[in-house]
Amino acid sequence: MNKVKITICGIDYVIAGNEDEEYVLNLARKLDAELKKIMAQNPRISVMTAAVLAALDHLDESVKAQESTDNMRLQIKDYLEDAAKARIECEEQKREIERLKREIASLKTRLDIQ
């Protein structure tokens, strides 16, 4: 377990987790910049309010990304089902072609005999 010291809006935190230190520091820098941007747009809001707004924004993005992922999974499932059906139809058509070839050969043999 890694412990990483980060600073967000002038407040130090120690984060414990399994993620790489540089990854956590990068997240902290992005969050710090985002909170400062929100607070610069409206100087009267607190760090807490900015954090809530940022959290809501990220949660919104996360939910939309999950919905998009679920939609893609359904589309892929449909494509796979269509591909399986097409493969089955192709095999049926190949069998029909082989049957017709045998029938043609049989008819040619009959014509040659007569």
C-alpha atoms as a PDB file:
ATOM      1  CA  MET A   1       0.000   0.000   0.000  1.00  0.00           C
ATOM      2  CA  ASN A   2       1.398   3.387  -1.044  1.00  0.00           C
ATOM      3  CA  LYS A   3       1.029   6.566   0.990  1.00  0.00           C
ATOM      4  CA  VAL A   4       1.169   9.790  -0.995  1.00  0.00           C
ATOM      5  CA  LYS A   5       1.135  13.325   0.379  1.00  0.00           C
ATOM      6  CA  ILE A   6      -0.908  15.685  -1.791  1.00  0.00           C
ATOM      7  CA  THR A   7      -1.924  19.331  -1.491  1.00  0.00           C
ATOM      8  CA  ILE A   8      -5.302  20.557  -2.698  1.00  0.00           C
ATOM      9  CA  CYS A   9      -6.270  24.205  -2.259  1.00  0.00           C
ATOM     10  CA  GLY A  10      -3.488  24.644   0.279  1.00  0.00           C
ATOM     11  CA  ILE A  11      -4.584  21.725   2.448  1.00  0.00           C
ATOM     12  CA  ASP A  12      -2.298  18.691   2.811  1.00  0.00           C
ATOM     13  CA  TYR A  13      -3.690  15.166   2.679  1.00  0.00           C
ATOM     14  CA  VAL A  14      -2.076  11.752   2.918  1.00  0.00           C
ATOM     15  CA  ILE A  15      -3.692   9.287   0.562  1.00  0.00           C
ATOM     16  CA  ALA A  16      -3.182   5.557   1.055  1.00  0.00           C
ATOM     17  CA  GLY A  17      -3.859   3.228  -1.834  1.00  0.00           C
ATOM     18  CA  ASN A  18      -2.496   0.841  -4.405  1.00  0.00           C
ATOM     19  CA  GLU A  19      -2.080   3.377  -7.191  1.00  0.00           C
ATOM     20  CA  ASP A  20       1.304   4.630  -8.339  1.00  0.00           C
ATOM     21  CA  GLU A  21       2.502   7.782  -6.540  1.00  0.00           C
ATOM     22  CA  GLU A  22       2.879   9.803  -9.742  1.00  0.00           C
ATOM     23  CA  TYR A  23      -0.657   8.855 -10.792  1.00  0.00           C
ATOM     24  CA  VAL A  24      -2.088  10.074  -7.459  1.00  0.00           C
ATOM     25  CA  LEU A  25      -0.038  13.273  -7.617  1.00  0.00           C
ATOM     26  CA  ASN A  26      -1.284  13.911 -11.142  1.00  0.00           C
ATOM     27  CA  LEU A  27      -4.897  13.433 -10.024  1.00  0.00           C
ATOM     28  CA  ALA A  28      -4.317  15.815  -7.125  1.00  0.00           C
ATOM     29  CA  ARG A  29      -2.831  18.469  -9.435  1.00  0.00           C
ATOM     30  CA  LYS A  30      -5.807  18.184 -11.775  1.00  0.00           C
ATOM     31  CA  LEU A  31      -8.294  18.400  -8.906  1.00  0.00           C
ATOM     32  CA  ASP A  32      -6.466  21.354  -7.385  1.00  0.00           C
ATOM     33  CA  ALA A  33      -6.524  23.191 -10.718  1.00  0.00           C
ATOM     34  CA  GLU A  34     -10.192  22.376 -11.239  1.00  0.00           C
ATOM     35  CA  LEU A  35     -11.200  23.615  -7.783  1.00  0.00           C
ATOM     36  CA  LYS A  36      -9.169  26.809  -8.209  1.00  0.00           C
ATOM     37  CA  LYS A  37     -10.831  27.394 -11.582  1.00  0.00           C
ATOM     38  CA  ILE A  38     -14.307  26.949 -10.077  1.00  0.00           C
ATOM     39  CA  MET A  39     -13.465  29.295  -7.198  1.00  0.00           C
ATOM     40  CA  ALA A  40     -11.964  31.883  -9.581  1.00  0.00           C
ATOM     41  CA  GLN A  41     -15.220  31.915 -11.543  1.00  0.00           C
ATOM     42  CA  ASN A  42     -17.150  32.644  -8.363  1.00  0.00           C
ATOM     43  CA  PRO A  43     -14.919  33.999  -5.582  1.00  0.00           C
ATOM     44  CA  ARG A  44     -17.726  33.787  -3.009  1.00  0.00           C
ATOM     45  CA  ILE A  45     -17.921  29.979  -2.974  1.00  0.00           C
ATOM     46  CA  SER A  46     -15.976  27.895  -0.490  1.00  0.00           C
ATOM     47  CA  VAL A  47     -13.537  25.080  -1.185  1.00  0.00           C
ATOM     48  CA  MET A  48     -16.234  22.688   0.022  1.00  0.00           C
ATOM     49  CA  THR A  49     -18.798  24.042  -2.453  1.00  0.00           C
ATOM     50  CA  ALA A  50     -16.234  23.926  -5.258  1.00  0.00           C
ATOM     51  CA  ALA A  51     -15.421  20.326  -4.303  1.00  0.00           C
ATOM     52  CA  VAL A  52     -19.100  19.382  -4.372  1.00  0.00           C
ATOM     53  CA  LEU A  53     -19.527  20.995  -7.801  1.00  0.00           C
ATOM     54  CA  ALA A  54     -16.431  19.209  -9.094  1.00  0.00           C
ATOM     55  CA  ALA A  55     -17.633  15.903  -7.617  1.00  0.00           C
ATOM     56  CA  LEU A  56     -21.045  16.297  -9.250  1.00  0.00           C
ATOM     57  CA  ASP A  57     -19.415  17.087 -12.592  1.00  0.00           C
ATOM     58  CA  HIS A  58     -17.172  14.028 -12.377  1.00  0.00           C
ATOM     59  CA  LEU A  59     -20.036  11.811 -11.252  1.00  0.00           C
ATOM     60  CA  ASP A  60     -22.090  13.044 -14.201  1.00  0.00           C
ATOM     61  CA  GLU A  61     -19.228  12.197 -16.568  1.00  0.00           C
ATOM     62  CA  SER A  62     -18.815   8.798 -14.929  1.00  0.00           C
ATOM     63  CA  VAL A  63     -22.525   7.925 -15.215  1.00  0.00           C
ATOM     64  CA  LYS A  64     -22.624   9.037 -18.857  1.00  0.00           C
ATOM     65  CA  ALA A  65     -19.461   7.063 -19.615  1.00  0.00           C
ATOM     66  CA  GLN A  66     -20.973   3.959 -17.990  1.00  0.00           C
ATOM     67  CA  GLU A  67     -24.178   4.378 -19.998  1.00  0.00           C
ATOM     68  CA  SER A  68     -22.120   4.769 -23.160  1.00  0.00           C
ATOM     69  CA  THR A  69     -20.105   1.661 -22.267  1.00  0.00           C
ATOM     70  CA  ASP A  70     -23.272  -0.332 -21.609  1.00  0.00           C
ATOM     71  CA  ASN A  71     -24.704   0.833 -24.937  1.00  0.00           C
ATOM     72  CA  MET A  72     -21.522  -0.222 -26.751  1.00  0.00           C
ATOM     73  CA  ARG A  73     -21.642  -3.619 -25.057  1.00  0.00           C
ATOM     74  CA  LEU A  74     -25.224  -4.100 -26.271  1.00  0.00           C
ATOM     75  CA  GLN A  75     -24.256  -3.056 -29.791  1.00  0.00           C
ATOM     76  CA  ILE A  76     -21.312  -5.452 -29.785  1.00  0.00           C
ATOM     77  CA  LYS A  77     -23.580  -8.232 -28.519  1.00  0.00           C
ATOM     78  CA  ASP A  78     -26.023  -7.493 -31.355  1.00  0.00           C
ATOM     79  CA  TYR A  79     -23.191  -7.455 -33.902  1.00  0.00           C
ATOM     80  CA  LEU A  80     -21.896 -10.784 -32.613  1.00  0.00           C
ATOM     81  CA  GLU A  81     -25.367 -12.301 -32.804  1.00  0.00           C
ATOM     82  CA  ASP A  82     -25.771 -10.978 -36.373  1.00  0.00           C
ATOM     83  CA  ALA A  83     -22.354 -12.367 -37.300  1.00  0.00           C
ATOM     84  CA  ALA A  84     -23.261 -15.772 -35.848  1.00  0.00           C
ATOM     85  CA  LYS A  85     -26.524 -15.798 -37.812  1.00  0.00           C
ATOM     86  CA  ALA A  86     -24.676 -14.808 -40.992  1.00  0.00           C
ATOM     87  CA  ARG A  87     -22.131 -17.579 -40.398  1.00  0.00           C
ATOM     88  CA  ILE A  88     -24.929 -20.130 -39.995  1.00  0.00           C
ATOM     89  CA  GLU A  89     -26.654 -18.874 -43.148  1.00  0.00           C
ATOM     90  CA  CYS A  90     -23.366 -19.035 -45.032  1.00  0.00           C
ATOM     91  CA  GLU A  91     -22.828 -22.645 -43.959  1.00  0.00           C
ATOM     92  CA  GLU A  92     -26.393 -23.502 -45.012  1.00  0.00           C
ATOM     93  CA  GLN A  93     -25.801 -21.880 -48.405  1.00  0.00           C
ATOM     94  CA  LYS A  94     -22.532 -23.802 -48.833  1.00  0.00           C
ATOM     95  CA  ARG A  95     -24.369 -27.051 -48.095  1.00  0.00           C
ATOM     96  CA  GLU A  96     -27.059 -26.090 -50.609  1.00  0.00           C
ATOM     97  CA  ILE A  97     -24.406 -25.336 -53.235  1.00  0.00           C
ATOM     98  CA  GLU A  98     -22.806 -28.730 -52.638  1.00  0.00           C
ATOM     99  CA  ARG A  99     -26.213 -30.427 -52.891  1.00  0.00           C
ATOM    100  CA  LEU A 100     -26.934 -28.630 -56.151  1.00  0.00           C
ATOM    101  CA  LYS A 101     -23.501 -29.580 -57.529  1.00  0.00           C
ATOM    102  CA  ARG A 102     -24.232 -33.232 -56.738  1.00  0.00           C
ATOM    103  CA  GLU A 103     -27.634 -32.905 -58.390  1.00  0.00           C
ATOM    104  CA  ILE A 104     -26.086 -31.332 -61.494  1.00  0.00           C
ATOM    105  CA  ALA A 105     -23.466 -34.098 -61.633  1.00  0.00           C
ATOM    106  CA  SER A 106     -26.211 -36.706 -61.306  1.00  0.00           C
ATOM    107  CA  LEU A 107     -28.255 -35.081 -64.085  1.00  0.00           C
ATOM    108  CA  LYS A 108     -25.174 -34.912 -66.336  1.00  0.00           C
ATOM    109  CA  THR A 109     -24.537 -38.597 -65.699  1.00  0.00           C
ATOM    110  CA  ARG A 110     -28.143 -39.431 -66.629  1.00  0.00           C
ATOM    111  CA  LEU A 111     -27.896 -37.407 -69.844  1.00  0.00           C
ATOM    112  CA  ASP A 112     -24.662 -39.153 -70.794  1.00  0.00           C
ATOM    113  CA  ILE A 113     -26.279 -42.554 -70.263  1.00  0.00           C
ATOM    114  CA  GLN A 114     -29.298 -41.807 -72.437  1.00  0.00           C
END
